[in-house]
Every structure is written in C-alpha cells, then in structure tokens.
C-alpha cells in the first residue's frame, strides 16, 4: 500500500509538472491561430484554464500509470493522451482543431500500430480511414439537407486519429458515446448562454473524452456488453 501511494504521488507530481508545457502549447496555438503570439496574452484571464489542465493532467497520468505501470506503453500512451488534452482545450476555446496536431496524431497512431504497441497496423489503418469517412459522410448528408456543414473537418481528422490508436473495433463505441455526450454538452451550453439550436458547439472535447475512455477501458466495456447480451 505504501509503495502504491508513493508511486501515485510521484506520478501525480509529474503530471502536474507536465501541465505547464501542455498549457503553453495550448495557449500559443490558440493565439497564433487568431492574432499571432503575444507574450502578455499567454496567461491573461486563463488561471482557471491552467488549474483545470493541471488537474486533468495529473488524473490522466495516474489513470495511464494504473493501466500500464512503468513501461514503454505508459510513455507512448501519455503522448497520445496529452495531445488529446491539448486538442480538447483548443477546440473548446476556438472551435478549431489544428492540422499541426491532428495530422501527426494520425501518423503516430499508424506508427504504434506498425509496431503493435496497442493494436495491429491493419486495425489502426482501418480505424483511421473509417473514422474519417464516417463523419465525412454524416456531414455530407447534413450539408445536402441543410445547406451548411454540421461539423468541421478537424473533427473528421480527430476521430481518424483516435481510431488509429484504438483500432477500428472501438469506432461504434466512440461514435455512439461521443454523440450522446456531444448533444448533452450542446444543450447545457445553449441553456447557459441563452443561445439557440443554430449556435455551433465544439464536438472535439466529446470525441476526446470518449476516445480516451475507449483507449483505456474499451476492451472491458466490450466484454461487459457481450456478456450482457449472452445473459439476456
């Protein structure tokens, strides 16, 4: 028990330390996409954002450590998880998902599949392709019906990246759960801001949360669901 607590304390401190560069990447990316990087704007009115990222960073690393222990998988998974965290924060603030992060995340997902770290290359490749085109297809139909895009192309790339890391078998779970969470979050934002249903809301954070859960607990969830079907 003492060793367990000590390890988790160490991991939490590392996670908190990592929150500083994560926050800086998030802020610099947001500012550079709009007005150019200005040093004075990095921390302006963003104390709560920093605290939230610091807390989330510590939680993420603890979850990863309890799953993978001290291993190569822990290091690789941390890269995936922290890039997802940065993307979620950027999308929540700007409603944009920059290619400079999403595209390398896809490539890294395929690379880990090639080396068989979390999934095999075939599953990673199929996940990346299917993840992109399923959202592209939904948006295509929506645009034909409504005449406007229902989501951004960054969402397509984000789902492609997530499914490259989790494999194609997690795609249905991620689509279903992220859609439910996305609708719920959109209703809350609309209620709090007193806006209407036409107001765009970021879908990236919902994809990130669901993708991370699927990455860590997806196999357990699928086993539980299949067992539930057999019982019924």
Foldseek 3Di string as FASTA:
>chain_A
DVVVVVVLVVQLVVLLVVLVVLLQVLQQVLCCVPPHDDPVRSCVVCPVVSVVSSVVSSVLLSLLCVQPNPDPLSVLVSVLLSLLVSQLSNCQVPVDRDPVRLVVLLVSLLVCLVVVSQHHNVQLQVQLVCLLVVQVVVQVVVCVVPVDGPGDSSNSSNSSSLRSNLGNVCSVVLVVQLVVVVVVVLVVVCVVVVHDPVDDGRSSNSSSVSSSCCSRCVVVVVVVVVVVVVVD
